[in-house]
């Protein structure tokens, strides 16, 4: 696959922070599906794989 940049694989464990002993969710949630469904982070947008919601990045 010459010419394509390598994709970084994001782990689910990177979406949470437990350094203070309290679980904190770092990612954005889908406003339609509710808490528990994270939005995927793309270069220019956030999108939900469950319902298809899309939001442009600023």
PDB file of N, CA and C in Angstrom:
ATOM      1  N   UNK A   1       0.833  -1.185   0.000  1.00  0.00           N
ATOM      2  CA  UNK A   1       0.000   0.000   0.000  1.00  0.00           C
ATOM      3  C   UNK A   1       0.874   1.243   0.000  1.00  0.00           C
ATOM      4  N   UNK A   2       1.594   1.419  -1.047  1.00  0.00           N
ATOM      5  CA  UNK A   2       2.485   2.566  -1.153  1.00  0.00           C
ATOM      6  C   UNK A   2       1.682   3.843  -1.357  1.00  0.00           C
ATOM      7  N   UNK A   3       2.097   4.916  -0.702  1.00  0.00           N
ATOM      8  CA  UNK A   3       1.435   6.200  -0.880  1.00  0.00           C
ATOM      9  C   UNK A   3       0.349   6.505   0.131  1.00  0.00           C
ATOM     10  N   UNK A   4      -0.087   5.509   0.864  1.00  0.00           N
ATOM     11  CA  UNK A   4      -1.134   5.751   1.870  1.00  0.00           C
ATOM     12  C   UNK A   4      -0.476   5.890   3.234  1.00  0.00           C
ATOM     13  N   UNK A   5      -0.946   6.867   3.987  1.00  0.00           N
ATOM     14  CA  UNK A   5      -0.402   7.023   5.326  1.00  0.00           C
ATOM     15  C   UNK A   5      -0.957   5.930   6.235  1.00  0.00           C
ATOM     16  N   UNK A   6      -0.187   5.571   7.239  1.00  0.00           N
ATOM     17  CA  UNK A   6      -0.642   4.525   8.147  1.00  0.00           C
ATOM     18  C   UNK A   6      -1.702   5.065   9.079  1.00  0.00           C
ATOM     19  N   UNK A   7      -2.703   4.260   9.314  1.00  0.00           N
ATOM     20  CA  UNK A   7      -3.784   4.651  10.212  1.00  0.00           C
ATOM     21  C   UNK A   7      -3.420   4.241  11.630  1.00  0.00           C
ATOM     22  N   UNK A   8      -3.795   5.093  12.558  1.00  0.00           N
ATOM     23  CA  UNK A   8      -3.582   4.759  13.957  1.00  0.00           C
ATOM     24  C   UNK A   8      -4.802   4.017  14.461  1.00  0.00           C
ATOM     25  N   UNK A   9      -4.589   2.926  15.142  1.00  0.00           N
ATOM     26  CA  UNK A   9      -5.692   2.169  15.698  1.00  0.00           C
ATOM     27  C   UNK A   9      -5.978   2.704  17.094  1.00  0.00           C
ATOM     28  N   UNK A  10      -7.207   3.156  17.322  1.00  0.00           N
ATOM     29  CA  UNK A  10      -7.587   3.683  18.619  1.00  0.00           C
ATOM     30  C   UNK A  10      -8.248   2.582  19.439  1.00  0.00           C
ATOM     31  N   UNK A  11      -7.831   2.492  20.664  1.00  0.00           N
ATOM     32  CA  UNK A  11      -8.386   1.489  21.559  1.00  0.00           C
ATOM     33  C   UNK A  11      -9.518   2.083  22.370  1.00  0.00           C
ATOM     34  N   UNK A  12     -10.453   1.247  22.780  1.00  0.00           N
ATOM     35  CA  UNK A  12     -11.566   1.716  23.616  1.00  0.00           C
ATOM     36  C   UNK A  12     -11.062   2.244  24.943  1.00  0.00           C
ATOM     37  N   UNK A  13      -9.955   1.681  25.434  1.00  0.00           N
ATOM     38  CA  UNK A  13      -9.425   2.122  26.724  1.00  0.00           C
ATOM     39  C   UNK A  13      -8.901   3.558  26.671  1.00  0.00           C
ATOM     40  N   UNK A  14      -8.621   4.081  25.474  1.00  0.00           N
ATOM     41  CA  UNK A  14      -8.155   5.463  25.338  1.00  0.00           C
ATOM     42  C   UNK A  14      -9.291   6.470  25.464  1.00  0.00           C
ATOM     43  N   UNK A  15     -10.534   6.017  25.447  1.00  0.00           N
ATOM     44  CA  UNK A  15     -11.691   6.910  25.558  1.00  0.00           C
ATOM     45  C   UNK A  15     -12.095   7.156  27.002  1.00  0.00           C
ATOM     46  N   UNK A  16     -11.389   6.541  27.952  1.00  0.00           N
ATOM     47  CA  UNK A  16     -11.702   6.690  29.364  1.00  0.00           C
ATOM     48  C   UNK A  16     -10.464   7.121  30.137  1.00  0.00           C
ATOM     49  N   UNK A  17     -10.679   7.835  31.256  1.00  0.00           N
ATOM     50  CA  UNK A  17      -9.593   8.264  32.128  1.00  0.00           C
ATOM     51  C   UNK A  17      -9.944   7.850  33.555  1.00  0.00           C
ATOM     52  N   UNK A  18      -9.059   7.105  34.191  1.00  0.00           N
ATOM     53  CA  UNK A  18      -9.312   6.681  35.563  1.00  0.00           C
ATOM     54  C   UNK A  18      -8.146   7.069  36.478  1.00  0.00           C
ATOM     55  N   UNK A  19      -7.389   8.095  36.106  1.00  0.00           N
ATOM     56  CA  UNK A  19      -6.206   8.480  36.873  1.00  0.00           C
ATOM     57  C   UNK A  19      -6.558   8.983  38.272  1.00  0.00           C
ATOM     58  N   UNK A  20      -7.714   9.595  38.450  1.00  0.00           N
ATOM     59  CA  UNK A  20      -8.111  10.124  39.757  1.00  0.00           C
ATOM     60  C   UNK A  20      -8.900   9.112  40.569  1.00  0.00           C
ATOM     61  N   UNK A  21      -9.096   7.920  40.041  1.00  0.00           N
ATOM     62  CA  UNK A  21      -9.885   6.903  40.727  1.00  0.00           C
ATOM     63  C   UNK A  21     -11.355   6.963  40.365  1.00  0.00           C
ATOM     64  N   UNK A  22     -11.737   7.951  39.565  1.00  0.00           N
ATOM     65  CA  UNK A  22     -13.118   8.108  39.116  1.00  0.00           C
ATOM     66  C   UNK A  22     -13.128   7.951  37.601  1.00  0.00           C
ATOM     67  N   UNK A  23     -14.088   7.190  37.096  1.00  0.00           N
ATOM     68  CA  UNK A  23     -14.193   6.970  35.657  1.00  0.00           C
ATOM     69  C   UNK A  23     -14.676   8.232  34.967  1.00  0.00           C
ATOM     70  N   UNK A  24     -13.885   8.735  33.990  1.00  0.00           N
ATOM     71  CA  UNK A  24     -14.262   9.927  33.225  1.00  0.00           C
ATOM     72  C   UNK A  24     -14.208   9.563  31.751  1.00  0.00           C
ATOM     73  N   UNK A  25     -15.291   9.838  31.045  1.00  0.00           N
ATOM     74  CA  UNK A  25     -15.357   9.544  29.610  1.00  0.00           C
ATOM     75  C   UNK A  25     -14.831  10.752  28.840  1.00  0.00           C
ATOM     76  N   UNK A  26     -13.860  10.518  27.928  1.00  0.00           N
ATOM     77  CA  UNK A  26     -13.217  11.617  27.205  1.00  0.00           C
ATOM     78  C   UNK A  26     -13.887  11.956  25.882  1.00  0.00           C
ATOM     79  N   UNK A  27     -14.480  10.998  25.224  1.00  0.00           N
ATOM     80  CA  UNK A  27     -15.052  11.206  23.904  1.00  0.00           C
ATOM     81  C   UNK A  27     -16.405  11.896  23.933  1.00  0.00           C
ATOM     82  N   UNK A  28     -16.854  12.317  22.744  1.00  0.00           N
ATOM     83  CA  UNK A  28     -18.178  12.936  22.609  1.00  0.00           C
ATOM     84  C   UNK A  28     -19.223  11.844  22.424  1.00  0.00           C
ATOM     85  N   UNK A  29     -20.389  12.059  23.004  1.00  0.00           N
ATOM     86  CA  UNK A  29     -21.495  11.119  22.856  1.00  0.00           C
ATOM     87  C   UNK A  29     -22.424  11.573  21.740  1.00  0.00           C
ATOM     88  N   UNK A  30     -23.155  10.643  21.170  1.00  0.00           N
ATOM     89  CA  UNK A  30     -24.155  10.953  20.151  1.00  0.00           C
ATOM     90  C   UNK A  30     -25.362  11.584  20.841  1.00  0.00           C
ATOM     91  N   UNK A  31     -25.815  12.753  20.379  1.00  0.00           N
ATOM     92  CA  UNK A  31     -26.974  13.390  20.999  1.00  0.00           C
ATOM     93  C   UNK A  31     -28.287  12.650  20.735  1.00  0.00           C
ATOM     94  N   UNK A  32     -28.343  11.857  19.674  1.00  0.00           N
ATOM     95  CA  UNK A  32     -29.562  11.095  19.371  1.00  0.00           C
ATOM     96  C   UNK A  32     -29.612   9.778  20.145  1.00  0.00           C
ATOM     97  N   UNK A  33     -28.497   9.066  20.177  1.00  0.00           N
ATOM     98  CA  UNK A  33     -28.456   7.752  20.834  1.00  0.00           C
ATOM     99  C   UNK A  33     -28.267   7.854  22.344  1.00  0.00           C
ATOM    100  N   UNK A  34     -27.648   8.911  22.815  1.00  0.00           N
ATOM    101  CA  UNK A  34     -27.469   9.116  24.242  1.00  0.00           C
ATOM    102  C   UNK A  34     -26.131   8.627  24.761  1.00  0.00           C
ATOM    103  N   UNK A  35     -25.937   8.736  26.080  1.00  0.00           N
ATOM    104  CA  UNK A  35     -24.673   8.310  26.682  1.00  0.00           C
ATOM    105  C   UNK A  35     -24.419   6.826  26.442  1.00  0.00           C
ATOM    106  N   UNK A  36     -23.176   6.501  26.197  1.00  0.00           N
ATOM    107  CA  UNK A  36     -22.810   5.115  25.930  1.00  0.00           C
ATOM    108  C   UNK A  36     -22.473   4.861  24.484  1.00  0.00           C
ATOM    109  N   UNK A  37     -22.854   5.762  23.583  1.00  0.00           N
ATOM    110  CA  UNK A  37     -22.537   5.622  22.166  1.00  0.00           C
ATOM    111  C   UNK A  37     -21.627   6.789  21.788  1.00  0.00           C
ATOM    112  N   UNK A  38     -20.350   6.491  21.581  1.00  0.00           N
ATOM    113  CA  UNK A  38     -19.380   7.524  21.235  1.00  0.00           C
ATOM    114  C   UNK A  38     -19.476   7.898  19.762  1.00  0.00           C
ATOM    115  N   UNK A  39     -19.119   9.144  19.455  1.00  0.00           N
ATOM    116  CA  UNK A  39     -19.007   9.580  18.068  1.00  0.00           C
ATOM    117  C   UNK A  39     -17.607   9.249  17.572  1.00  0.00           C
ATOM    118  N   UNK A  40     -17.509   8.753  16.355  1.00  0.00           N
ATOM    119  CA  UNK A  40     -16.213   8.471  15.745  1.00  0.00           C
ATOM    120  C   UNK A  40     -15.562   9.787  15.354  1.00  0.00           C
ATOM    121  N   UNK A  41     -14.249   9.893  15.541  1.00  0.00           N
ATOM    122  CA  UNK A  41     -13.518  11.122  15.224  1.00  0.00           C
ATOM    123  C   UNK A  41     -12.817  10.976  13.883  1.00  0.00           C
ATOM    124  N   UNK A  42     -13.222  11.760  12.900  1.00  0.00           N
ATOM    125  CA  UNK A  42     -12.583  11.808  11.597  1.00  0.00           C
ATOM    126  C   UNK A  42     -11.826  13.127  11.487  1.00  0.00           C
ATOM    127  N   UNK A  43     -11.122  13.325  10.377  1.00  0.00           N
ATOM    128  CA  UNK A  43     -10.339  14.547  10.186  1.00  0.00           C
ATOM    129  C   UNK A  43     -11.199  15.796  10.240  1.00  0.00           C
ATOM    130  N   UNK A  44     -12.357  15.761   9.605  1.00  0.00           N
ATOM    131  CA  UNK A  44     -13.182  16.966   9.451  1.00  0.00           C
ATOM    132  C   UNK A  44     -14.579  16.847  10.067  1.00  0.00           C
ATOM    133  N   UNK A  45     -14.868  15.736  10.750  1.00  0.00           N
ATOM    134  CA  UNK A  45     -16.219  15.554  11.282  1.00  0.00           C
ATOM    135  C   UNK A  45     -16.229  14.513  12.403  1.00  0.00           C
ATOM    136  N   UNK A  46     -17.345  14.502  13.127  1.00  0.00           N
ATOM    137  CA  UNK A  46     -17.663  13.453  14.098  1.00  0.00           C
ATOM    138  C   UNK A  46     -18.865  12.718  13.532  1.00  0.00           C
ATOM    139  N   UNK A  47     -18.908  11.393  13.673  1.00  0.00           N
ATOM    140  CA  UNK A  47     -20.057  10.654  13.158  1.00  0.00           C
ATOM    141  C   UNK A  47     -20.404   9.482  14.063  1.00  0.00           C
ATOM    142  N   UNK A  48     -21.688   9.144  14.053  1.00  0.00           N
ATOM    143  CA  UNK A  48     -22.197   8.019  14.836  1.00  0.00           C
ATOM    144  C   UNK A  48     -22.393   6.844  13.896  1.00  0.00           C
ATOM    145  N   UNK A  49     -21.844   5.700  14.258  1.00  0.00           N
ATOM    146  CA  UNK A  49     -21.984   4.502  13.437  1.00  0.00           C
ATOM    147  C   UNK A  49     -23.311   3.801  13.637  1.00  0.00           C
ATOM    148  N   UNK A  50     -24.011   4.158  14.699  1.00  0.00           N
ATOM    149  CA  UNK A  50     -25.281   3.486  15.003  1.00  0.00           C
ATOM    150  C   UNK A  50     -26.448   4.125  14.266  1.00  0.00           C
ATOM    151  N   UNK A  51     -26.589   5.466  14.354  1.00  0.00           N
ATOM    152  CA  UNK A  51     -27.763   6.126  13.765  1.00  0.00           C
ATOM    153  C   UNK A  51     -27.429   6.980  12.547  1.00  0.00           C
ATOM    154  N   UNK A  52     -26.132   7.251  12.297  1.00  0.00           N
ATOM    155  CA  UNK A  52     -25.756   8.026  11.115  1.00  0.00           C
ATOM    156  C   UNK A  52     -25.645   9.532  11.369  1.00  0.00           C
ATOM    157  N   UNK A  53     -25.790   9.961  12.614  1.00  0.00           N
ATOM    158  CA  UNK A  53     -25.656  11.389  12.955  1.00  0.00           C
ATOM    159  C   UNK A  53     -24.249  11.867  12.590  1.00  0.00           C
ATOM    160  N   UNK A  54     -24.152  13.098  12.033  1.00  0.00           N
ATOM    161  CA  UNK A  54     -22.873  13.657  11.639  1.00  0.00           C
ATOM    162  C   UNK A  54     -22.793  15.118  12.085  1.00  0.00           C
ATOM    163  N   UNK A  55     -21.620  15.518  12.551  1.00  0.00           N
ATOM    164  CA  UNK A  55     -21.382  16.865  13.040  1.00  0.00           C
ATOM    165  C   UNK A  55     -20.021  17.305  12.527  1.00  0.00           C
ATOM    166  N   UNK A  56     -19.946  18.503  11.926  1.00  0.00           N
ATOM    167  CA  UNK A  56     -18.674  19.001  11.398  1.00  0.00           C
ATOM    168  C   UNK A  56     -17.791  19.511  12.515  1.00  0.00           C
ATOM    169  N   UNK A  57     -16.478  19.329  12.334  1.00  0.00           N
ATOM    170  CA  UNK A  57     -15.504  19.867  13.289  1.00  0.00           C
ATOM    171  C   UNK A  57     -15.269  21.329  12.998  1.00  0.00           C
ATOM    172  N   UNK A  58     -14.902  22.051  14.036  1.00  0.00           N
ATOM    173  CA  UNK A  58     -14.624  23.479  13.863  1.00  0.00           C
ATOM    174  C   UNK A  58     -13.166  23.739  13.688  1.00  0.00           C
TER     175      UNK A  58
END
